[in-house]
Structures are given as C-alpha cells and as structure tokens.
Amino acid sequence: MRLPVLPLVVALTLLAPALTTSGCGGSSTSTMDLSVPDNVVYVATTDEALGMLLGTAVKSGGTVALLEPTTPTYSIAAAPALRWSVGTLAVVPQRYPSFFGAIAYAHGTPVTGTATYLRILDASGNALVAAFTTAPGYNPSNTDNAALAAYLTAKGAAATVTVELTAARFENDRVTEGPFRAPSATFTLVP
C-alpha cells in the first residue's frame, strides 16, 4: 500500500517547528546553561529553571529591588532575612510549543511564576551563599552563616559582601519575562 506523498509532506512541514524545539527548551533568546553551580539552595524551584535563567541575557528596564536588610552592616550572629520585590518584567518572545512534552519532571515540578536567584558574593565575585527561590525572600541557613563567618575570619574587619538578585518569570521552567538584576547592595560583615 502506498501513501500519498502530499499529505506526508504537509504533516512534516507542520511538525518541523515542534521537532526542533528542545525538550528542556525555552524562548528564542535563551538556552539552557549547563554550568549551574553546585552550592545553590533550591526553594520550590529546579535546576532546569536556573539553567534557563543563567542562559538568558539579563535585560534592562525591569524592577527588582532589595528591601531588607536596610542597614549597611550584615551581622552573622543575628543574620537578617533578605527580602525583595519583583515588579515589572518584560516579555520574552516564545518559540513554537513542542508536541512531545516540554519539560522533564526528573528534578521536581517545573517552575511556573516568579523566581529569584540570590547570591551573596565576596570581594572577588565568588558566591558565598546562593539560593534560587519562588519566595520574595530568603532566611540564611546555619550553613550560609558558617560560610559568611569563615569569610569574615579570613578577611578581618574589612570583609564586605555584595547581594545580587536576578529575577524572572517562568512557565514550565522556561523564562517568559526577564531576567532582570536588581542594583547590587554592598554590606560590611560584622560578627
């Protein structure tokens, strides 16, 4: 039995965009960054979503702002909660959807909504603390505080850290708006 060639060509033409969309794909301006750091704390997020965020160029014009702490010092003994707000983000153009399922569920439920990548950086730009969360804040853990305390011990009274926030909106681990980076805030560590 021979199948007519024309319907087969039409079917392949219609499926071609879906066949070229990656299983962990994303927008036309983002790719999966496979070098996701190992020391990240994930709070209701996935490493796939963080890989998409890190693979998307940071844009200008969005509003992400650190709200707390408001003092220029950061006490390790009484580590303050970090709080922020995410306002306007810009839409990222999307590719055609895949007919074969967009995201694998191997590493948790895909992120849909706003998520923020928080990093507390040392003077050389190395992350002492890193968290990726859907919450508008993060309470440093004992492990986070131990890393900050070790840095303070090594640097002495001149130890400063920078808080960096990068936020985006996601749909099934894909960046749909942003990402945007808040203006960095520098703090002096105190015991």
N, C-alpha and C. Protein backbone atom coordinates (compact mmCIF):
# COMPACT_ATOMS: atom_id res chain seq x y z
N MET A 1 0.85 -1.18 0.00
CA MET A 1 0.00 0.00 0.00
C MET A 1 0.89 1.24 0.00
N ARG A 2 0.62 2.16 -0.88
CA ARG A 2 1.40 3.39 -1.00
C ARG A 2 0.62 4.55 -0.40
N LEU A 3 1.31 5.34 0.40
CA LEU A 3 0.69 6.54 0.97
C LEU A 3 0.91 7.70 0.02
N PRO A 4 -0.08 8.56 -0.11
CA PRO A 4 0.11 9.76 -0.94
C PRO A 4 1.23 10.62 -0.34
N VAL A 5 2.08 11.14 -1.18
CA VAL A 5 3.23 11.92 -0.74
C VAL A 5 2.82 13.29 -0.21
N LEU A 6 1.86 13.93 -0.83
CA LEU A 6 1.47 15.28 -0.44
C LEU A 6 1.03 15.37 1.03
N PRO A 7 0.13 14.49 1.54
CA PRO A 7 -0.23 14.59 2.95
C PRO A 7 0.96 14.38 3.89
N LEU A 8 1.89 13.52 3.51
CA LEU A 8 3.08 13.29 4.32
C LEU A 8 3.96 14.55 4.38
N VAL A 9 4.15 15.23 3.25
CA VAL A 9 4.94 16.46 3.21
C VAL A 9 4.27 17.54 4.05
N VAL A 10 2.96 17.67 3.95
CA VAL A 10 2.22 18.67 4.74
C VAL A 10 2.38 18.38 6.23
N ALA A 11 2.23 17.11 6.61
CA ALA A 11 2.35 16.74 8.03
C ALA A 11 3.74 17.05 8.56
N LEU A 12 4.78 16.73 7.81
CA LEU A 12 6.15 17.00 8.24
C LEU A 12 6.42 18.50 8.32
N THR A 13 5.85 19.26 7.39
CA THR A 13 6.02 20.71 7.41
C THR A 13 5.39 21.31 8.66
N LEU A 14 4.24 20.81 9.06
CA LEU A 14 3.57 21.32 10.25
C LEU A 14 4.27 20.89 11.54
N LEU A 15 4.90 19.71 11.53
CA LEU A 15 5.58 19.22 12.72
C LEU A 15 7.00 19.72 12.85
N ALA A 16 7.60 20.23 11.80
CA ALA A 16 9.01 20.63 11.83
C ALA A 16 9.34 21.60 12.96
N PRO A 17 8.54 22.66 13.20
CA PRO A 17 8.89 23.55 14.31
C PRO A 17 8.88 22.84 15.66
N ALA A 18 7.94 21.92 15.86
CA ALA A 18 7.88 21.19 17.13
C ALA A 18 9.06 20.24 17.27
N LEU A 19 9.50 19.66 16.18
CA LEU A 19 10.61 18.73 16.24
C LEU A 19 11.93 19.42 16.56
N THR A 20 12.05 20.70 16.25
CA THR A 20 13.29 21.40 16.52
C THR A 20 13.30 22.08 17.88
N THR A 21 12.19 22.05 18.62
CA THR A 21 12.14 22.63 19.95
C THR A 21 12.68 21.62 20.94
N SER A 22 13.64 22.01 21.70
CA SER A 22 14.30 21.13 22.66
C SER A 22 13.34 20.71 23.77
N GLY A 23 13.53 19.53 24.34
CA GLY A 23 12.73 19.05 25.45
C GLY A 23 12.86 19.94 26.67
N CYS A 24 14.00 20.50 26.91
CA CYS A 24 14.20 21.45 28.01
C CYS A 24 14.34 22.84 27.43
N GLY A 25 13.73 23.06 26.28
CA GLY A 25 13.92 24.27 25.50
C GLY A 25 13.44 25.52 26.19
N GLY A 26 13.34 26.57 25.44
CA GLY A 26 12.93 27.84 26.03
C GLY A 26 12.61 28.84 24.97
N SER A 27 12.79 30.05 25.30
CA SER A 27 12.45 31.13 24.39
C SER A 27 13.50 31.24 23.29
N SER A 28 13.20 32.04 22.32
CA SER A 28 14.12 32.20 21.20
C SER A 28 15.38 32.93 21.61
N THR A 29 15.40 33.53 22.78
CA THR A 29 16.58 34.28 23.21
C THR A 29 17.26 33.63 24.41
N SER A 30 16.88 32.40 24.75
CA SER A 30 17.54 31.76 25.88
C SER A 30 17.91 30.33 25.54
N THR A 31 18.92 29.85 26.22
CA THR A 31 19.35 28.48 26.09
C THR A 31 19.64 27.95 27.49
N MET A 32 19.68 26.65 27.60
CA MET A 32 19.98 26.03 28.89
C MET A 32 21.46 26.20 29.18
N ASP A 33 21.79 26.80 30.32
CA ASP A 33 23.18 26.90 30.75
C ASP A 33 23.46 25.66 31.60
N LEU A 34 24.35 24.80 31.11
CA LEU A 34 24.61 23.54 31.79
C LEU A 34 25.59 23.68 32.95
N SER A 35 26.11 24.87 33.18
CA SER A 35 27.08 25.06 34.25
C SER A 35 26.43 25.65 35.50
N VAL A 36 25.31 25.07 35.91
CA VAL A 36 24.61 25.52 37.11
C VAL A 36 25.49 25.21 38.32
N PRO A 37 25.73 26.19 39.20
CA PRO A 37 26.59 25.96 40.37
C PRO A 37 26.08 24.84 41.27
N ASP A 38 27.00 24.18 41.95
CA ASP A 38 26.65 23.07 42.84
C ASP A 38 26.11 23.52 44.19
N ASN A 39 26.50 24.70 44.65
CA ASN A 39 26.19 25.12 46.02
C ASN A 39 24.89 25.91 46.16
N VAL A 40 23.96 25.74 45.23
CA VAL A 40 22.71 26.51 45.26
C VAL A 40 21.68 25.79 46.12
N VAL A 41 20.97 26.54 46.96
CA VAL A 41 19.84 26.02 47.71
C VAL A 41 18.60 26.28 46.85
N TYR A 42 17.83 25.23 46.56
CA TYR A 42 16.61 25.36 45.74
C TYR A 42 15.40 25.36 46.65
N VAL A 43 14.57 26.40 46.54
CA VAL A 43 13.36 26.51 47.32
C VAL A 43 12.19 26.59 46.34
N ALA A 44 11.47 25.48 46.18
CA ALA A 44 10.33 25.37 45.26
C ALA A 44 10.73 25.70 43.82
N THR A 45 11.96 25.36 43.45
CA THR A 45 12.48 25.61 42.11
C THR A 45 13.23 24.38 41.61
N THR A 46 13.76 24.47 40.40
CA THR A 46 14.51 23.36 39.82
C THR A 46 15.81 23.85 39.21
N ASP A 47 16.74 22.93 39.03
CA ASP A 47 17.99 23.30 38.39
C ASP A 47 17.78 23.58 36.90
N GLU A 48 16.75 22.99 36.29
CA GLU A 48 16.45 23.31 34.89
C GLU A 48 16.04 24.78 34.74
N ALA A 49 15.19 25.25 35.64
CA ALA A 49 14.76 26.66 35.57
C ALA A 49 15.95 27.59 35.81
N LEU A 50 16.83 27.23 36.75
CA LEU A 50 18.01 28.07 36.99
C LEU A 50 18.92 28.05 35.76
N GLY A 51 19.06 26.89 35.12
CA GLY A 51 19.85 26.81 33.90
C GLY A 51 19.29 27.70 32.80
N MET A 52 17.95 27.77 32.69
CA MET A 52 17.34 28.65 31.70
C MET A 52 17.56 30.11 32.07
N LEU A 53 17.47 30.44 33.36
CA LEU A 53 17.72 31.82 33.79
C LEU A 53 19.16 32.21 33.48
N LEU A 54 20.11 31.35 33.80
CA LEU A 54 21.52 31.66 33.58
C LEU A 54 21.87 31.69 32.09
N GLY A 55 21.08 31.01 31.26
CA GLY A 55 21.32 31.01 29.82
C GLY A 55 20.62 32.13 29.08
N THR A 56 19.90 32.99 29.80
CA THR A 56 19.17 34.11 29.19
C THR A 56 19.87 35.41 29.58
N ALA A 57 20.13 36.24 28.60
CA ALA A 57 20.81 37.52 28.86
C ALA A 57 19.96 38.40 29.77
N VAL A 58 20.61 39.02 30.74
CA VAL A 58 19.93 39.94 31.65
C VAL A 58 19.52 41.17 30.86
N LYS A 59 18.29 41.62 31.08
CA LYS A 59 17.73 42.76 30.36
C LYS A 59 17.70 43.99 31.25
N SER A 60 17.53 45.13 30.64
CA SER A 60 17.39 46.36 31.41
C SER A 60 15.93 46.78 31.41
N GLY A 61 15.55 47.55 32.41
CA GLY A 61 14.21 48.10 32.42
C GLY A 61 13.27 47.46 33.42
N GLY A 62 13.56 46.26 33.91
CA GLY A 62 12.67 45.63 34.88
C GLY A 62 12.92 46.19 36.27
N THR A 63 12.02 45.87 37.18
CA THR A 63 12.18 46.38 38.53
C THR A 63 12.30 45.22 39.51
N VAL A 64 13.48 45.08 40.08
CA VAL A 64 13.77 44.13 41.14
C VAL A 64 14.51 44.93 42.19
N ALA A 65 14.07 44.87 43.44
CA ALA A 65 14.69 45.71 44.46
C ALA A 65 14.86 44.95 45.77
N LEU A 66 16.03 45.08 46.38
CA LEU A 66 16.29 44.53 47.70
C LEU A 66 15.61 45.45 48.72
N LEU A 67 14.76 44.87 49.57
CA LEU A 67 14.05 45.65 50.58
C LEU A 67 14.69 45.55 51.96
N GLU A 68 15.21 44.39 52.33
CA GLU A 68 15.86 44.17 53.61
C GLU A 68 17.10 43.34 53.40
N PRO A 69 18.13 43.54 54.15
CA PRO A 69 18.28 44.48 55.25
C PRO A 69 18.46 45.91 54.76
N THR A 70 18.18 46.84 55.65
CA THR A 70 18.27 48.26 55.29
C THR A 70 19.50 48.93 55.88
N THR A 71 20.24 48.21 56.73
CA THR A 71 21.45 48.80 57.32
C THR A 71 22.67 48.45 56.46
N PRO A 72 23.77 49.20 56.59
CA PRO A 72 24.96 48.92 55.78
C PRO A 72 25.80 47.77 56.34
N THR A 73 25.38 47.21 57.49
CA THR A 73 26.12 46.08 58.06
C THR A 73 25.26 44.82 58.01
N TYR A 74 25.94 43.69 58.01
CA TYR A 74 25.27 42.39 57.98
C TYR A 74 25.85 41.57 59.11
N SER A 75 25.06 41.34 60.15
CA SER A 75 25.51 40.62 61.33
C SER A 75 25.37 39.12 61.12
N ILE A 76 26.45 38.40 61.31
CA ILE A 76 26.41 36.95 61.14
C ILE A 76 25.72 36.30 62.33
N ALA A 77 25.92 36.84 63.54
CA ALA A 77 25.31 36.27 64.74
C ALA A 77 23.78 36.37 64.69
N ALA A 78 23.29 37.47 64.16
CA ALA A 78 21.84 37.67 64.03
C ALA A 78 21.55 37.95 62.56
N ALA A 79 21.81 36.92 61.73
CA ALA A 79 21.68 37.10 60.28
C ALA A 79 20.28 37.59 59.90
N PRO A 80 20.22 38.71 59.24
CA PRO A 80 18.92 39.25 58.86
C PRO A 80 18.32 38.47 57.68
N ALA A 81 17.01 38.44 57.65
CA ALA A 81 16.33 37.86 56.49
C ALA A 81 16.53 38.79 55.31
N LEU A 82 16.68 38.23 54.15
CA LEU A 82 16.79 39.03 52.93
C LEU A 82 15.41 39.05 52.29
N ARG A 83 14.92 40.23 51.97
CA ARG A 83 13.59 40.38 51.35
C ARG A 83 13.73 41.27 50.14
N TRP A 84 12.92 41.00 49.12
CA TRP A 84 12.98 41.79 47.89
C TRP A 84 11.60 41.86 47.26
N SER A 85 11.49 42.72 46.27
CA SER A 85 10.26 42.81 45.50
C SER A 85 10.61 42.71 44.02
N VAL A 86 9.71 42.09 43.28
CA VAL A 86 9.86 41.97 41.84
C VAL A 86 8.66 42.66 41.23
N GLY A 87 8.94 43.69 40.42
CA GLY A 87 7.86 44.43 39.79
C GLY A 87 7.73 44.07 38.33
N THR A 88 7.80 45.05 37.47
CA THR A 88 7.60 44.89 36.05
C THR A 88 8.74 44.10 35.42
N LEU A 89 8.39 43.14 34.60
CA LEU A 89 9.36 42.39 33.81
C LEU A 89 8.90 42.45 32.36
N ALA A 90 9.80 42.22 31.43
CA ALA A 90 9.44 42.32 30.01
C ALA A 90 9.25 40.93 29.41
N VAL A 91 8.33 40.82 28.48
CA VAL A 91 8.02 39.54 27.85
C VAL A 91 9.12 39.12 26.90
N VAL A 92 9.45 37.82 26.95
CA VAL A 92 10.43 37.23 26.04
C VAL A 92 9.65 36.50 24.94
N PRO A 93 9.96 36.71 23.65
CA PRO A 93 9.25 36.00 22.60
C PRO A 93 9.45 34.50 22.72
N GLN A 94 8.40 33.73 22.46
CA GLN A 94 8.45 32.28 22.60
C GLN A 94 8.53 31.57 21.25
N ARG A 95 9.13 30.38 21.25
CA ARG A 95 9.13 29.51 20.07
C ARG A 95 7.82 28.76 20.00
N TYR A 96 7.68 27.97 18.95
CA TYR A 96 6.53 27.09 18.83
C TYR A 96 6.56 26.06 19.96
N PRO A 97 5.39 25.66 20.47
CA PRO A 97 5.40 24.65 21.53
C PRO A 97 5.77 23.28 20.98
N SER A 98 6.27 22.44 21.85
CA SER A 98 6.60 21.08 21.45
C SER A 98 5.39 20.18 21.64
N PHE A 99 5.18 19.26 20.72
CA PHE A 99 4.09 18.29 20.84
C PHE A 99 4.52 17.10 21.68
N PHE A 100 5.77 17.05 22.08
CA PHE A 100 6.30 15.87 22.75
C PHE A 100 6.54 16.10 24.24
N GLY A 101 5.88 17.07 24.85
CA GLY A 101 6.07 17.35 26.26
C GLY A 101 7.24 18.29 26.45
N ALA A 102 7.02 19.37 27.13
CA ALA A 102 8.03 20.43 27.17
C ALA A 102 9.15 20.16 28.16
N ILE A 103 8.85 19.72 29.35
CA ILE A 103 9.86 19.67 30.40
C ILE A 103 9.83 18.31 31.08
N ALA A 104 10.99 17.77 31.35
CA ALA A 104 11.08 16.53 32.10
C ALA A 104 10.85 16.82 33.58
N TYR A 105 10.20 15.92 34.27
CA TYR A 105 9.89 16.10 35.68
C TYR A 105 10.90 15.42 36.58
N ALA A 106 12.08 15.08 36.06
CA ALA A 106 13.06 14.31 36.81
C ALA A 106 13.60 15.06 38.02
N HIS A 107 13.64 16.37 37.99
CA HIS A 107 14.25 17.15 39.07
C HIS A 107 13.23 17.98 39.82
N GLY A 108 12.00 17.58 39.85
CA GLY A 108 10.99 18.31 40.58
C GLY A 108 9.97 18.94 39.66
N THR A 109 8.96 19.52 40.26
CA THR A 109 7.90 20.17 39.49
C THR A 109 8.44 21.41 38.80
N PRO A 110 8.18 21.56 37.50
CA PRO A 110 8.68 22.74 36.78
C PRO A 110 8.18 24.04 37.41
N VAL A 111 9.01 25.06 37.33
CA VAL A 111 8.68 26.36 37.91
C VAL A 111 7.75 27.12 36.97
N THR A 112 6.65 27.59 37.52
CA THR A 112 5.75 28.49 36.81
C THR A 112 5.47 29.64 37.78
N GLY A 113 5.81 30.85 37.37
CA GLY A 113 5.69 32.01 38.24
C GLY A 113 7.03 32.71 38.36
N THR A 114 7.14 33.58 39.33
CA THR A 114 8.36 34.36 39.52
C THR A 114 9.34 33.60 40.41
N ALA A 115 10.61 33.61 40.02
CA ALA A 115 11.67 33.01 40.85
C ALA A 115 12.87 33.96 40.83
N THR A 116 13.60 33.97 41.93
CA THR A 116 14.73 34.87 42.09
C THR A 116 15.98 34.08 42.46
N TYR A 117 17.07 34.42 41.81
CA TYR A 117 18.37 33.82 42.10
C TYR A 117 19.14 34.82 42.96
N LEU A 118 19.38 34.46 44.21
CA LEU A 118 20.08 35.29 45.18
C LEU A 118 21.51 34.79 45.31
N ARG A 119 22.46 35.71 45.27
CA ARG A 119 23.85 35.36 45.54
C ARG A 119 24.43 36.40 46.49
N ILE A 120 25.15 35.94 47.49
CA ILE A 120 25.93 36.82 48.35
C ILE A 120 27.38 36.57 47.95
N LEU A 121 28.00 37.61 47.40
CA LEU A 121 29.32 37.49 46.78
C LEU A 121 30.41 38.08 47.66
N ASP A 122 31.60 37.45 47.62
CA ASP A 122 32.75 38.02 48.31
C ASP A 122 33.34 39.14 47.44
N ALA A 123 34.43 39.74 47.90
CA ALA A 123 35.03 40.87 47.19
C ALA A 123 35.54 40.49 45.80
N SER A 124 35.80 39.20 45.57
CA SER A 124 36.28 38.74 44.26
C SER A 124 35.15 38.30 43.34
N GLY A 125 33.90 38.37 43.81
CA GLY A 125 32.76 37.97 43.00
C GLY A 125 32.40 36.50 43.11
N ASN A 126 32.99 35.78 44.06
CA ASN A 126 32.65 34.38 44.28
C ASN A 126 31.44 34.27 45.19
N ALA A 127 30.55 33.34 44.89
CA ALA A 127 29.33 33.19 45.68
C ALA A 127 29.62 32.46 46.99
N LEU A 128 29.37 33.16 48.10
CA LEU A 128 29.45 32.54 49.42
C LEU A 128 28.14 31.86 49.76
N VAL A 129 27.04 32.47 49.31
CA VAL A 129 25.69 31.95 49.51
C VAL A 129 24.97 32.07 48.18
N ALA A 130 24.22 31.03 47.82
CA ALA A 130 23.42 31.06 46.59
C ALA A 130 22.11 30.33 46.84
N ALA A 131 21.02 30.96 46.45
CA ALA A 131 19.69 30.35 46.60
C ALA A 131 18.84 30.74 45.41
N PHE A 132 17.98 29.82 44.99
CA PHE A 132 17.05 30.06 43.89
C PHE A 132 15.67 29.72 44.44
N THR A 133 14.81 30.74 44.53
CA THR A 133 13.55 30.58 45.25
C THR A 133 12.39 31.29 44.57
N THR A 134 11.20 30.77 44.80
CA THR A 134 9.99 31.43 44.32
C THR A 134 9.44 32.40 45.36
N ALA A 135 10.00 32.38 46.56
CA ALA A 135 9.55 33.29 47.63
C ALA A 135 10.19 34.67 47.43
N PRO A 136 9.57 35.71 47.97
CA PRO A 136 10.16 37.06 47.88
C PRO A 136 11.15 37.33 48.99
N GLY A 137 11.84 36.29 49.44
CA GLY A 137 12.83 36.46 50.49
C GLY A 137 13.54 35.16 50.77
N TYR A 138 14.58 35.26 51.59
CA TYR A 138 15.38 34.08 51.94
C TYR A 138 15.97 34.30 53.33
N ASN A 139 15.85 33.29 54.19
CA ASN A 139 16.45 33.32 55.51
C ASN A 139 17.73 32.48 55.45
N PRO A 140 18.88 33.10 55.62
CA PRO A 140 20.13 32.35 55.55
C PRO A 140 20.15 31.20 56.56
N SER A 141 20.65 30.06 56.12
CA SER A 141 20.74 28.87 56.97
C SER A 141 22.01 28.92 57.81
N ASN A 142 22.15 27.96 58.72
CA ASN A 142 23.37 27.86 59.51
C ASN A 142 24.58 27.63 58.61
N THR A 143 24.40 26.87 57.55
CA THR A 143 25.49 26.63 56.59
C THR A 143 25.88 27.94 55.90
N ASP A 144 24.88 28.73 55.50
CA ASP A 144 25.15 30.03 54.88
C ASP A 144 25.93 30.93 55.84
N ASN A 145 25.47 30.98 57.08
CA ASN A 145 26.13 31.83 58.09
C ASN A 145 27.55 31.35 58.37
N ALA A 146 27.77 30.03 58.34
CA ALA A 146 29.12 29.50 58.55
C ALA A 146 30.04 29.93 57.42
N ALA A 147 29.55 29.94 56.19
CA ALA A 147 30.36 30.39 55.05
C ALA A 147 30.71 31.87 55.19
N LEU A 148 29.74 32.67 55.62
CA LEU A 148 29.98 34.10 55.82
C LEU A 148 30.95 34.33 56.97
N ALA A 149 30.80 33.55 58.05
CA ALA A 149 31.70 33.68 59.20
C ALA A 149 33.13 33.31 58.82
N ALA A 150 33.31 32.28 58.01
CA ALA A 150 34.65 31.88 57.57
C ALA A 150 35.27 32.98 56.72
N TYR A 151 34.47 33.61 55.89
CA TYR A 151 34.97 34.71 55.07
C TYR A 151 35.37 35.91 55.94
N LEU A 152 34.54 36.21 56.95
CA LEU A 152 34.86 37.31 57.87
C LEU A 152 36.16 37.02 58.61
N THR A 153 36.34 35.78 59.05
CA THR A 153 37.57 35.41 59.76
C THR A 153 38.79 35.58 58.85
N ALA A 154 38.64 35.17 57.59
CA ALA A 154 39.76 35.26 56.65
C ALA A 154 40.08 36.71 56.27
N LYS A 155 39.07 37.55 56.13
CA LYS A 155 39.27 38.93 55.68
C LYS A 155 39.42 39.94 56.81
N GLY A 156 38.93 39.59 57.99
CA GLY A 156 39.02 40.52 59.11
C GLY A 156 37.97 41.62 59.01
N ALA A 157 38.27 42.74 59.64
CA ALA A 157 37.29 43.84 59.73
C ALA A 157 36.94 44.45 58.38
N ALA A 158 37.72 44.18 57.36
CA ALA A 158 37.46 44.78 56.04
C ALA A 158 36.57 43.89 55.17
N ALA A 159 35.93 42.89 55.74
CA ALA A 159 35.11 41.96 54.96
C ALA A 159 33.81 42.62 54.51
N THR A 160 33.65 42.69 53.21
CA THR A 160 32.39 43.18 52.65
C THR A 160 31.81 42.12 51.72
N VAL A 161 30.51 42.12 51.61
CA VAL A 161 29.81 41.21 50.70
C VAL A 161 28.83 42.02 49.87
N THR A 162 28.51 41.49 48.71
CA THR A 162 27.54 42.12 47.82
C THR A 162 26.38 41.17 47.60
N VAL A 163 25.17 41.69 47.75
CA VAL A 163 23.97 40.90 47.49
C VAL A 163 23.54 41.18 46.06
N GLU A 164 23.38 40.09 45.29
CA GLU A 164 22.97 40.20 43.89
C GLU A 164 21.67 39.41 43.72
N LEU A 165 20.66 40.05 43.14
CA LEU A 165 19.37 39.42 42.89
C LEU A 165 19.08 39.45 41.39
N THR A 166 18.72 38.30 40.84
CA THR A 166 18.31 38.21 39.45
C THR A 166 16.97 37.48 39.42
N ALA A 167 15.95 38.12 38.87
CA ALA A 167 14.60 37.55 38.88
C ALA A 167 14.05 37.43 37.47
N ALA A 168 13.18 36.44 37.29
CA ALA A 168 12.49 36.23 36.02
C ALA A 168 11.16 35.55 36.31
N ARG A 169 10.30 35.60 35.33
CA ARG A 169 9.04 34.83 35.39
C ARG A 169 9.20 33.63 34.48
N PHE A 170 8.63 32.52 34.92
CA PHE A 170 8.79 31.24 34.23
C PHE A 170 7.44 30.62 33.90
N GLU A 171 7.44 29.79 32.87
CA GLU A 171 6.34 28.90 32.58
C GLU A 171 6.96 27.56 32.25
N ASN A 172 6.68 26.57 33.09
CA ASN A 172 7.26 25.23 32.93
C ASN A 172 8.78 25.29 32.75
N ASP A 173 9.45 25.96 33.66
CA ASP A 173 10.91 26.11 33.69
C ASP A 173 11.48 26.99 32.59
N ARG A 174 10.67 27.57 31.75
CA ARG A 174 11.15 28.43 30.65
C ARG A 174 10.97 29.89 31.04
N VAL A 175 11.97 30.70 30.75
CA VAL A 175 11.89 32.14 31.03
C VAL A 175 10.88 32.77 30.08
N THR A 176 9.87 33.43 30.64
CA THR A 176 8.88 34.13 29.80
C THR A 176 8.99 35.65 29.96
N GLU A 177 9.54 36.12 31.07
CA GLU A 177 9.75 37.54 31.29
C GLU A 177 11.07 37.74 32.04
N GLY A 178 11.86 38.67 31.57
CA GLY A 178 13.14 38.96 32.22
C GLY A 178 14.25 38.14 31.59
N PRO A 179 15.29 37.84 32.31
CA PRO A 179 15.54 38.18 33.70
C PRO A 179 16.05 39.60 33.86
N PHE A 180 15.85 40.11 35.07
CA PHE A 180 16.33 41.43 35.44
C PHE A 180 17.15 41.31 36.70
N ARG A 181 18.14 42.16 36.84
CA ARG A 181 19.01 42.16 38.01
C ARG A 181 18.79 43.44 38.78
N ALA A 182 18.63 43.28 40.09
CA ALA A 182 18.49 44.45 40.97
C ALA A 182 19.83 45.17 41.09
N PRO A 183 19.80 46.46 41.38
CA PRO A 183 21.07 47.13 41.69
C PRO A 183 21.71 46.41 42.88
N SER A 184 23.01 46.13 42.79
CA SER A 184 23.66 45.36 43.85
C SER A 184 23.76 46.21 45.11
N ALA A 185 23.75 45.53 46.25
CA ALA A 185 23.87 46.20 47.55
C ALA A 185 25.06 45.60 48.28
N THR A 186 25.93 46.47 48.81
CA THR A 186 27.13 46.02 49.50
C THR A 186 26.95 46.21 51.01
N PHE A 187 27.40 45.20 51.75
CA PHE A 187 27.28 45.21 53.21
C PHE A 187 28.64 44.90 53.83
N THR A 188 28.89 45.47 55.00
CA THR A 188 30.06 45.14 55.78
C THR A 188 29.68 44.04 56.75
N LEU A 189 30.42 42.94 56.75
CA LEU A 189 30.12 41.85 57.67
C LEU A 189 30.59 42.21 59.07
N VAL A 190 29.78 41.88 60.05
CA VAL A 190 30.14 42.05 61.44
C VAL A 190 29.82 40.74 62.17
N PRO A 191 30.55 40.44 63.26
CA PRO A 191 30.31 39.17 63.98
C PRO A 191 28.90 39.06 64.54
